[in-house]
């Protein structure tokens, strides 16, 4: 495919949490057309095998390529870990692939040499140890302390944030000794930007909270500028697809995208 500025940005996740990444991209790049795919039929990816995640990711990549996407953003930590290298090879020159891990690794490499960082995420992301391996490979004297926080994503999906319940759960996790005396905290789950404010308040503004959705959006912008692929359409038309539609998913999209969107059903297997 001959990539053109008017081609859309493809974004996918195991569900609708990746809409926080889509929201950050829309805010930073308002002229870019977005095609979002949430694989709601197979969520969560966190308890799926690597081969299953790779199979789902390839199917979704086919959908996004059919829509003419110039870039595919893997807005899911599990898929970024399990399928990024495969997708890069699979799509080859048809689209550029960005994951949610490497832009953050590059950002901390540039800004946190000699620092101690914390990271919170799902069990699969933490157990994969992918952030630790990549940061250790930087030779920047960065120490990373990780903690699985499995209650946070379902809490957010149920709308429990910015209230006493969420503050107590967040405090319980962040008071863990693993996260003591850190200079910055990486939010390694696309749900967590919705509780970034509460996390910052817990640290009284003394610890930097690193939002991967913002870092990914900036990385995407840098790529589009470098390749001459920035779009200038004044009113891009965005499309949002899910592999299994329910009204509850459509209701929840406003939490993650910041406005009402209409979900379209698109099955991966017929």
Protein backbone atom coordinates (compact mmCIF):
# COMPACT_ATOMS: atom_id res chain seq x y z
CA UNK A 1 0.00 0.00 0.00
CA UNK A 2 1.24 3.48 -0.86
CA UNK A 3 0.75 5.31 2.45
CA UNK A 4 -0.79 8.77 2.10
CA UNK A 5 -1.48 11.50 4.72
CA UNK A 6 -5.23 11.01 4.34
CA UNK A 7 -5.02 7.31 5.27
CA UNK A 8 -6.35 6.58 8.79
CA UNK A 9 -4.61 5.60 12.00
CA UNK A 10 -5.60 2.08 13.07
CA UNK A 11 -5.77 1.38 16.80
CA UNK A 12 -6.66 -1.90 18.48
CA UNK A 13 -7.05 -3.37 21.94
CA UNK A 14 -8.58 -6.45 23.53
CA UNK A 15 -11.54 -4.28 24.51
CA UNK A 16 -12.33 -0.62 24.95
CA UNK A 17 -9.53 0.36 27.35
CA UNK A 18 -7.37 1.29 24.37
CA UNK A 19 -9.76 4.16 23.75
CA UNK A 20 -7.63 6.14 26.22
CA UNK A 21 -4.84 5.89 23.62
CA UNK A 22 -7.28 6.85 20.87
CA UNK A 23 -8.39 9.81 22.99
CA UNK A 24 -4.79 11.00 23.46
CA UNK A 25 -4.13 10.63 19.72
CA UNK A 26 -7.29 12.55 18.82
CA UNK A 27 -6.34 15.39 21.18
CA UNK A 28 -2.77 15.63 19.89
CA UNK A 29 -3.59 14.94 16.23
CA UNK A 30 -7.13 16.21 15.67
CA UNK A 31 -6.87 16.02 11.86
CA UNK A 32 -6.09 12.30 11.80
CA UNK A 33 -8.86 9.82 10.99
CA UNK A 34 -9.07 7.01 13.56
CA UNK A 35 -10.19 3.44 12.95
CA UNK A 36 -10.49 1.67 16.30
CA UNK A 37 -10.99 -2.07 16.81
CA UNK A 38 -11.86 -3.54 20.20
CA UNK A 39 -11.70 -7.33 20.31
CA UNK A 40 -14.48 -7.59 22.88
CA UNK A 41 -15.26 -11.17 21.86
CA UNK A 42 -11.92 -12.33 23.28
CA UNK A 43 -11.21 -10.02 26.18
CA UNK A 44 -9.26 -9.98 28.34
CA UNK A 45 -6.02 -10.85 26.51
CA UNK A 46 -4.25 -11.08 29.85
CA UNK A 47 -5.36 -14.66 30.44
CA UNK A 48 -4.84 -15.85 26.83
CA UNK A 49 -1.85 -17.75 25.45
CA UNK A 50 0.74 -15.95 23.34
CA UNK A 51 -0.30 -17.91 20.25
CA UNK A 52 -3.96 -16.97 20.73
CA UNK A 53 -3.10 -13.27 21.11
CA UNK A 54 -0.98 -13.45 17.97
CA UNK A 55 -3.84 -15.05 16.01
CA UNK A 56 -6.30 -12.37 17.14
CA UNK A 57 -3.81 -9.60 16.38
CA UNK A 58 -3.19 -10.81 12.83
CA UNK A 59 -6.94 -11.00 12.17
CA UNK A 60 -7.39 -7.45 13.46
CA UNK A 61 -4.40 -6.22 11.44
CA UNK A 62 -6.10 -7.58 8.31
CA UNK A 63 -9.23 -5.56 9.13
CA UNK A 64 -7.20 -2.38 9.69
CA UNK A 65 -5.21 -2.91 6.49
CA UNK A 66 -8.47 -3.35 4.58
CA UNK A 67 -9.49 0.05 5.95
CA UNK A 68 -6.30 1.49 4.46
CA UNK A 69 -4.56 2.34 7.73
CA UNK A 70 -1.10 3.89 7.36
CA UNK A 71 -0.19 3.13 10.99
CA UNK A 72 -1.36 0.38 13.34
CA UNK A 73 -1.15 1.22 17.05
CA UNK A 74 -1.28 -1.77 19.39
CA UNK A 75 -3.09 -0.11 22.30
CA UNK A 76 -2.77 -3.14 24.56
CA UNK A 77 0.18 -4.19 26.73
CA UNK A 78 -0.52 -7.91 26.38
CA UNK A 79 -0.69 -7.72 22.58
CA UNK A 80 2.32 -5.40 22.48
CA UNK A 81 4.32 -8.00 24.36
CA UNK A 82 3.04 -11.06 22.50
CA UNK A 83 2.43 -9.90 18.94
CA UNK A 84 4.42 -6.75 18.10
CA UNK A 85 7.36 -8.42 16.38
CA UNK A 86 5.03 -10.76 14.49
CA UNK A 87 2.83 -7.89 13.27
CA UNK A 88 5.82 -5.84 12.13
CA UNK A 89 6.88 -8.74 9.95
CA UNK A 90 3.32 -9.53 8.85
CA UNK A 91 2.35 -6.06 7.61
CA UNK A 92 5.88 -5.25 6.35
CA UNK A 93 5.68 -2.08 4.25
CA UNK A 94 1.90 -1.82 4.22
CA UNK A 95 1.70 0.02 7.54
CA UNK A 96 3.94 1.20 10.35
CA UNK A 97 3.36 -0.58 13.69
CA UNK A 98 3.65 1.14 17.08
CA UNK A 99 3.19 -0.58 20.43
CA UNK A 100 2.57 0.90 23.88
CA UNK A 101 5.81 -0.34 25.44
CA UNK A 102 8.75 0.83 23.32
CA UNK A 103 7.77 4.55 23.26
CA UNK A 104 7.71 4.51 27.07
CA UNK A 105 11.08 2.74 27.21
CA UNK A 106 12.54 5.42 24.93
CA UNK A 107 11.00 8.17 27.06
CA UNK A 108 12.41 6.91 30.37
CA UNK A 109 15.78 6.34 28.70
CA UNK A 110 15.91 10.00 27.71
CA UNK A 111 14.55 11.45 30.94
CA UNK A 112 15.25 9.17 33.93
CA UNK A 113 18.89 8.05 33.83
CA UNK A 114 19.98 6.95 37.31
CA UNK A 115 16.40 6.97 38.66
CA UNK A 116 14.25 4.44 40.48
CA UNK A 117 10.93 3.87 38.74
CA UNK A 118 7.80 2.02 39.72
CA UNK A 119 5.36 0.27 37.40
CA UNK A 120 1.79 -0.93 37.88
CA UNK A 121 -0.10 -3.12 35.43
CA UNK A 122 -2.03 -6.33 34.94
CA UNK A 123 -0.65 -9.65 36.13
CA UNK A 124 0.30 -10.67 32.59
CA UNK A 125 2.20 -7.45 31.89
CA UNK A 126 4.11 -7.62 35.18
CA UNK A 127 4.80 -11.36 34.95
CA UNK A 128 6.06 -11.02 31.37
CA UNK A 129 8.92 -8.92 32.80
CA UNK A 130 9.14 -7.16 29.43
CA UNK A 131 9.62 -3.67 30.90
CA UNK A 132 12.36 -4.86 33.26
CA UNK A 133 14.23 -6.63 30.45
CA UNK A 134 14.05 -3.63 28.14
CA UNK A 135 15.03 -1.12 30.83
CA UNK A 136 17.92 -3.30 32.01
CA UNK A 137 19.11 -3.36 28.41
CA UNK A 138 19.40 0.43 28.32
CA UNK A 139 22.52 0.59 30.54
CA UNK A 140 21.16 3.85 31.98
CA UNK A 141 21.33 2.78 35.65
CA UNK A 142 17.54 2.78 35.92
CA UNK A 143 15.99 0.57 38.59
CA UNK A 144 12.44 -0.66 38.00
CA UNK A 145 10.11 -1.96 40.72
CA UNK A 146 6.93 -3.58 39.39
CA UNK A 147 3.62 -4.43 41.03
CA UNK A 148 0.59 -6.26 39.60
CA UNK A 149 -2.62 -4.35 40.37
CA UNK A 150 -5.37 -6.66 39.09
CA UNK A 151 -8.30 -4.91 40.77
CA UNK A 152 -7.78 -1.57 39.06
CA UNK A 153 -8.95 -2.39 35.52
CA UNK A 154 -12.28 -4.00 36.54
CA UNK A 155 -12.79 -1.21 39.09
CA UNK A 156 -12.43 1.37 36.32
CA UNK A 157 -14.68 -0.54 33.92
CA UNK A 158 -17.41 -0.52 36.56
CA UNK A 159 -17.08 3.24 36.87
CA UNK A 160 -15.49 3.21 40.32
CA UNK A 161 -13.02 6.07 40.15
CA UNK A 162 -12.81 9.54 41.63
CA UNK A 163 -14.58 8.29 44.74
CA UNK A 164 -13.75 6.94 48.18
CA UNK A 165 -13.73 3.30 47.04
CA UNK A 166 -11.21 3.91 44.28
CA UNK A 167 -9.00 6.07 46.49
CA UNK A 168 -8.81 3.33 49.12
CA UNK A 169 -7.95 0.62 46.57
CA UNK A 170 -5.35 2.83 44.88
CA UNK A 171 -3.78 3.71 48.25
CA UNK A 172 -3.65 0.02 49.20
CA UNK A 173 -1.65 -0.78 46.08
CA UNK A 174 0.59 2.28 46.04
CA UNK A 175 1.56 1.84 49.69
CA UNK A 176 3.20 -1.47 48.80
CA UNK A 177 6.93 -1.44 49.70
CA UNK A 178 7.79 -2.26 46.07
CA UNK A 179 6.68 1.24 45.15
CA UNK A 180 8.47 3.05 47.97
CA UNK A 181 10.90 5.88 47.20
CA UNK A 182 10.34 6.00 43.45
CA UNK A 183 11.01 8.99 41.20
CA UNK A 184 8.28 8.13 38.69
CA UNK A 185 5.48 5.60 38.20
CA UNK A 186 4.71 4.00 34.83
CA UNK A 187 1.02 3.30 34.19
CA UNK A 188 1.38 0.07 32.22
CA UNK A 189 -2.30 -0.46 31.45
CA UNK A 190 -4.46 1.54 29.05
CA UNK A 191 -7.23 1.75 31.68
CA UNK A 192 -5.07 3.63 34.15
CA UNK A 193 -5.07 7.12 32.59
CA UNK A 194 -8.60 7.40 33.97
CA UNK A 195 -7.19 7.27 37.52
CA UNK A 196 -4.03 9.26 36.83
CA UNK A 197 -5.35 12.23 38.80
CA UNK A 198 -6.05 10.07 41.86
CA UNK A 199 -2.61 8.48 41.63
CA UNK A 200 -0.94 11.89 41.40
CA UNK A 201 -2.92 13.06 44.41
CA UNK A 202 -1.74 10.03 46.40
CA UNK A 203 1.87 11.05 45.75
CA UNK A 204 1.06 14.71 46.53
CA UNK A 205 2.64 15.68 43.23
CA UNK A 206 6.09 14.50 44.39
CA UNK A 207 6.28 11.51 42.03
CA UNK A 208 5.99 11.83 38.25
CA UNK A 209 3.14 9.72 36.85
CA UNK A 210 3.94 8.49 33.34
CA UNK A 211 0.90 7.98 31.11
CA UNK A 212 1.69 5.63 28.21
CA UNK A 213 -1.23 6.95 26.13
CA UNK A 214 0.35 10.41 25.97
CA UNK A 215 3.81 9.02 25.25
CA UNK A 216 2.46 6.83 22.43
CA UNK A 217 0.56 9.75 20.90
CA UNK A 218 3.73 11.86 20.84
CA UNK A 219 5.70 8.98 19.32
CA UNK A 220 3.06 8.65 16.61
CA UNK A 221 3.19 12.38 15.86
CA UNK A 222 7.00 12.26 15.56
CA UNK A 223 6.72 9.39 13.07
CA UNK A 224 4.05 11.10 10.95
CA UNK A 225 6.09 14.33 10.78
CA UNK A 226 9.29 12.47 9.89
CA UNK A 227 7.54 10.53 7.10
CA UNK A 228 5.50 13.43 5.75
CA UNK A 229 2.25 11.65 6.66
CA UNK A 230 0.48 14.24 8.83
CA UNK A 231 -3.10 14.70 7.67
CA UNK A 232 -4.74 18.12 7.31
CA UNK A 233 -8.39 17.11 6.88
CA UNK A 234 -10.46 19.52 9.00
CA UNK A 235 -13.19 17.07 10.03
CA UNK A 236 -11.95 13.48 9.94
CA UNK A 237 -14.57 10.73 10.21
CA UNK A 238 -13.69 8.19 12.88
CA UNK A 239 -14.93 4.60 13.04
CA UNK A 240 -15.11 2.30 16.05
CA UNK A 241 -15.51 -1.45 15.67
CA UNK A 242 -15.93 -4.28 18.18
CA UNK A 243 -15.88 -8.02 17.56
CA UNK A 244 -18.81 -8.58 19.94
CA UNK A 245 -21.28 -5.73 20.39
CA UNK A 246 -23.25 -5.11 23.57
CA UNK A 247 -24.97 -1.95 24.74
CA UNK A 248 -22.86 -1.98 27.90
CA UNK A 249 -19.68 -1.65 25.82
CA UNK A 250 -21.13 1.31 23.95
CA UNK A 251 -22.13 2.95 27.24
CA UNK A 252 -18.64 2.45 28.64
CA UNK A 253 -16.87 3.99 25.66
CA UNK A 254 -17.59 7.49 26.96
CA UNK A 255 -15.48 6.72 30.05
CA UNK A 256 -12.45 5.92 27.91
CA UNK A 257 -12.84 8.20 24.89
CA UNK A 258 -14.35 11.20 26.62
CA UNK A 259 -17.39 11.42 24.36
CA UNK A 260 -20.15 9.23 22.99
CA UNK A 261 -19.19 7.05 20.04
CA UNK A 262 -21.18 4.61 17.96
CA UNK A 263 -19.75 1.11 17.95
CA UNK A 264 -20.07 -1.02 14.84
CA UNK A 265 -19.99 -4.81 15.01
CA UNK A 266 -17.27 -6.58 12.99
CA UNK A 267 -16.76 -10.27 13.67
CA UNK A 268 -13.25 -11.65 13.23
CA UNK A 269 -14.43 -15.15 12.41
CA UNK A 270 -17.59 -15.95 10.50
